[in-house]
C-alpha atoms as a PDB file:
ATOM      1  CA  MET A   1       0.000   0.000   0.000  1.00  0.00           C
ATOM      2  CA  SER A   2       1.426   3.397  -0.950  1.00  0.00           C
ATOM      3  CA  PRO A   3       1.370   6.297   1.483  1.00  0.00           C
ATOM      4  CA  GLN A   4      -1.265   8.969   0.935  1.00  0.00           C
ATOM      5  CA  HIS A   5       0.231  12.275  -0.225  1.00  0.00           C
ATOM      6  CA  PRO A   6      -1.950  15.374  -0.399  1.00  0.00           C
ATOM      7  CA  HIS A   7      -2.269  16.989  -3.796  1.00  0.00           C
ATOM      8  CA  ALA A   8      -1.043  20.528  -4.303  1.00  0.00           C
ATOM      9  CA  ALA A   9      -3.813  23.117  -4.192  1.00  0.00           C
ATOM     10  CA  ALA A  10      -5.191  23.914  -7.636  1.00  0.00           C
ATOM     11  CA  GLU A  11      -5.143  27.506  -8.788  1.00  0.00           C
ATOM     12  CA  SER A  12      -8.575  28.808  -9.766  1.00  0.00           C
ATOM     13  CA  ARG A  13      -8.757  30.272 -13.272  1.00  0.00           C
ATOM     14  CA  THR A  14     -12.450  30.797 -13.800  1.00  0.00           C
ATOM     15  CA  GLY A  15     -13.423  32.784 -16.897  1.00  0.00           C
ATOM     16  CA  LEU A  16     -16.604  34.604 -17.869  1.00  0.00           C
ATOM     17  CA  ALA A  17     -18.120  31.526 -19.473  1.00  0.00           C
ATOM     18  CA  MET A  18     -17.877  27.873 -18.613  1.00  0.00           C
ATOM     19  CA  GLY A  19     -16.004  27.077 -21.832  1.00  0.00           C
ATOM     20  CA  MET A  20     -13.341  29.645 -20.946  1.00  0.00           C
ATOM     21  CA  ARG A  21     -12.345  28.068 -17.619  1.00  0.00           C
ATOM     22  CA  GLY A  22      -8.571  27.768 -17.391  1.00  0.00           C
ATOM     23  CA  CYS A  23      -7.916  29.696 -20.573  1.00  0.00           C
ATOM     24  CA  VAL A  24      -5.515  32.558 -20.040  1.00  0.00           C
ATOM     25  CA  GLU A  25      -4.055  33.306 -23.472  1.00  0.00           C
ATOM     26  CA  GLY A  26      -6.771  35.452 -25.079  1.00  0.00           C
ATOM     27  CA  GLU A  27      -7.206  35.095 -28.837  1.00  0.00           C
ATOM     28  CA  ALA A  28      -3.935  33.139 -29.044  1.00  0.00           C
ATOM     29  CA  CYS A  29      -5.597  30.374 -27.000  1.00  0.00           C
ATOM     30  CA  SER A  30      -4.821  26.913 -28.325  1.00  0.00           C
ATOM     31  CA  SER A  31      -7.617  25.124 -26.482  1.00  0.00           C
ATOM     32  CA  GLY A  32      -9.654  22.612 -28.449  1.00  0.00           C
ATOM     33  CA  ARG A  33     -12.777  23.120 -26.324  1.00  0.00           C
ATOM     34  CA  PRO A  34     -15.970  24.411 -27.975  1.00  0.00           C
ATOM     35  CA  GLY A  35     -15.821  28.148 -28.591  1.00  0.00           C
ATOM     36  CA  HIS A  36     -12.040  28.288 -28.834  1.00  0.00           C
ATOM     37  CA  GLY A  37      -9.948  27.379 -31.899  1.00  0.00           C
ATOM     38  CA  LEU A  38     -11.654  25.509 -34.752  1.00  0.00           C
ATOM     39  CA  HIS A  39     -10.173  22.000 -34.810  1.00  0.00           C
ATOM     40  CA  PRO A  40      -9.553  20.634 -38.338  1.00  0.00           C
ATOM     41  CA  MET A  41     -11.682  17.555 -37.580  1.00  0.00           C
ATOM     42  CA  GLN A  42     -14.528  19.769 -36.330  1.00  0.00           C
ATOM     43  CA  ASP A  43     -14.368  21.736 -39.574  1.00  0.00           C
ATOM     44  CA  ARG A  44     -14.224  18.617 -41.731  1.00  0.00           C
ATOM     45  CA  LEU A  45     -17.104  16.857 -39.976  1.00  0.00           C
ATOM     46  CA  SER A  46     -19.301  19.945 -40.199  1.00  0.00           C
ATOM     47  CA  ARG A  47     -18.733  19.996 -43.962  1.00  0.00           C
ATOM     48  CA  ILE A  48     -19.447  16.266 -44.355  1.00  0.00           C
ATOM     49  CA  VAL A  49     -22.715  16.413 -42.379  1.00  0.00           C
ATOM     50  CA  ALA A  50     -24.039  19.303 -44.446  1.00  0.00           C
ATOM     51  CA  SER A  51     -27.696  18.509 -43.781  1.00  0.00           C
ATOM     52  CA  ARG A  52     -27.439  19.762 -40.201  1.00  0.00           C
ATOM     53  CA  TRP A  53     -26.585  23.396 -41.021  1.00  0.00           C
ATOM     54  CA  THR A  54     -29.191  25.916 -39.858  1.00  0.00           C
ATOM     55  CA  ASP A  55     -29.470  29.236 -41.707  1.00  0.00           C
ATOM     56  CA  ALA A  56     -29.694  32.177 -39.320  1.00  0.00           C
ATOM     57  CA  VAL A  57     -29.260  35.929 -38.965  1.00  0.00           C
ATOM     58  CA  VAL A  58     -27.095  37.664 -36.361  1.00  0.00           C
ATOM     59  CA  VAL A  59     -29.184  39.621 -33.869  1.00  0.00           C
ATOM     60  CA  ARG A  60     -26.281  40.795 -31.721  1.00  0.00           C
ATOM     61  CA  ALA A  61     -22.541  40.111 -31.375  1.00  0.00           C
ATOM     62  CA  ALA A  62     -21.196  41.262 -28.000  1.00  0.00           C
ATOM     63  CA  SER A  63     -17.626  42.045 -26.964  1.00  0.00           C
ATOM     64  CA  ASP A  64     -17.751  39.315 -24.278  1.00  0.00           C
ATOM     65  CA  GLY A  65     -17.934  36.653 -27.020  1.00  0.00           C
ATOM     66  CA  PHE A  66     -21.682  35.963 -26.948  1.00  0.00           C
ATOM     67  CA  VAL A  67     -23.571  35.988 -30.243  1.00  0.00           C
ATOM     68  CA  GLU A  68     -27.350  35.927 -30.475  1.00  0.00           C
ATOM     69  CA  LEU A  69     -28.915  34.435 -33.599  1.00  0.00           C
ATOM     70  CA  VAL A  70     -32.386  33.810 -34.939  1.00  0.00           C
ATOM     71  CA  ASP A  71     -32.899  31.025 -37.466  1.00  0.00           C
ATOM     72  CA  LEU A  72     -35.223  31.314 -40.456  1.00  0.00           C
ATOM     73  CA  GLU A  73     -37.977  29.455 -38.577  1.00  0.00           C
ATOM     74  CA  GLY A  74     -37.857  31.984 -35.728  1.00  0.00           C
ATOM     75  CA  GLY A  75     -35.815  29.880 -33.281  1.00  0.00           C
ATOM     76  CA  ALA A  76     -33.380  31.738 -31.036  1.00  0.00           C
ATOM     77  CA  HIS A  77     -29.780  30.553 -30.543  1.00  0.00           C
ATOM     78  CA  ARG A  78     -27.059  31.909 -28.282  1.00  0.00           C
ATOM     79  CA  VAL A  79     -23.452  30.888 -28.830  1.00  0.00           C
ATOM     80  CA  TRP A  80     -20.081  31.903 -27.439  1.00  0.00           C
ATOM     81  CA  ASN A  81     -16.627  32.303 -28.994  1.00  0.00           C
ATOM     82  CA  HIS A  82     -13.480  33.055 -27.033  1.00  0.00           C
ATOM     83  CA  GLY A  83     -12.213  35.532 -29.620  1.00  0.00           C
ATOM     84  CA  ALA A  84     -15.312  37.792 -29.496  1.00  0.00           C
ATOM     85  CA  LEU A  85     -16.624  38.035 -33.043  1.00  0.00           C
ATOM     86  CA  THR A  86     -17.726  41.691 -32.811  1.00  0.00           C
ATOM     87  CA  GLY A  87     -15.362  42.827 -35.580  1.00  0.00           C
ATOM     88  CA  ARG A  88     -16.357  39.925 -37.823  1.00  0.00           C
ATOM     89  CA  LEU A  89     -20.123  39.747 -37.314  1.00  0.00           C
ATOM     90  CA  ALA A  90     -22.721  42.504 -37.235  1.00  0.00           C
ATOM     91  CA  ALA A  91     -26.458  42.557 -36.630  1.00  0.00           C
ATOM     92  CA  GLY A  92     -28.258  41.463 -39.779  1.00  0.00           C
ATOM     93  CA  ASP A  93     -25.419  39.320 -41.138  1.00  0.00           C
ATOM     94  CA  PRO A  94     -26.542  35.988 -42.632  1.00  0.00           C
ATOM     95  CA  VAL A  95     -24.765  33.025 -41.027  1.00  0.00           C
ATOM     96  CA  ALA A  96     -25.090  29.256 -40.767  1.00  0.00           C
ATOM     97  CA  LEU A  97     -24.917  27.345 -37.490  1.00  0.00           C
ATOM     98  CA  HIS A  98     -23.935  23.689 -37.255  1.00  0.00           C
ATOM     99  CA  PRO A  99     -25.212  22.752 -33.777  1.00  0.00           C
ATOM    100  CA  VAL A 100     -23.884  19.175 -33.937  1.00  0.00           C
ATOM    101  CA  TYR A 101     -20.234  20.185 -34.305  1.00  0.00           C
ATOM    102  CA  GLY A 102     -20.403  23.706 -32.854  1.00  0.00           C
ATOM    103  CA  VAL A 103     -19.443  25.653 -35.962  1.00  0.00           C
ATOM    104  CA  LEU A 104     -20.658  29.096 -37.007  1.00  0.00           C
ATOM    105  CA  ALA A 105     -20.048  30.079 -40.638  1.00  0.00           C
ATOM    106  CA  ARG A 106     -20.231  33.409 -42.398  1.00  0.00           C
ATOM    107  CA  GLY A 107     -19.258  33.072 -46.034  1.00  0.00           C
ATOM    108  CA  ASP A 108     -15.985  31.132 -46.129  1.00  0.00           C
ATOM    109  CA  ASP A 109     -15.109  32.019 -42.515  1.00  0.00           C
ATOM    110  CA  ARG A 110     -15.753  29.369 -39.858  1.00  0.00           C
ATOM    111  CA  TYR A 111     -15.614  29.705 -36.071  1.00  0.00           C
ATOM    112  CA  SER A 112     -15.864  27.213 -33.242  1.00  0.00           C
ATOM    113  CA  VAL A 113     -18.752  28.115 -30.943  1.00  0.00           C
ATOM    114  CA  ALA A 114     -20.194  26.761 -27.713  1.00  0.00           C
ATOM    115  CA  ALA A 115     -23.974  26.723 -27.383  1.00  0.00           C
ATOM    116  CA  VAL A 116     -25.119  28.499 -24.211  1.00  0.00           C
END
């Protein structure tokens, strides 16, 4: 039987959103969690499963990373991206949301998003 050794105390690094917990590098973040960098497999799978894209319009893109959308059937969606998409998305912009793989697309640009 091995002796019990206490673990070192963990440092708390809570962010503004659950998906940001532990992330301290801003837009240079290399995390693969939803809402951070778009993983190549995430991008590829979202393109393969094309039937799951939902057309939507941006209602609001906030500086804290939250984006509010409304789909063409009137459904509301709220997503989050670590890089804050305020300079890339504006109210009224047409977008497509892939809720299965957490991808938001505007034209050829694709972003990883976390549904909130």
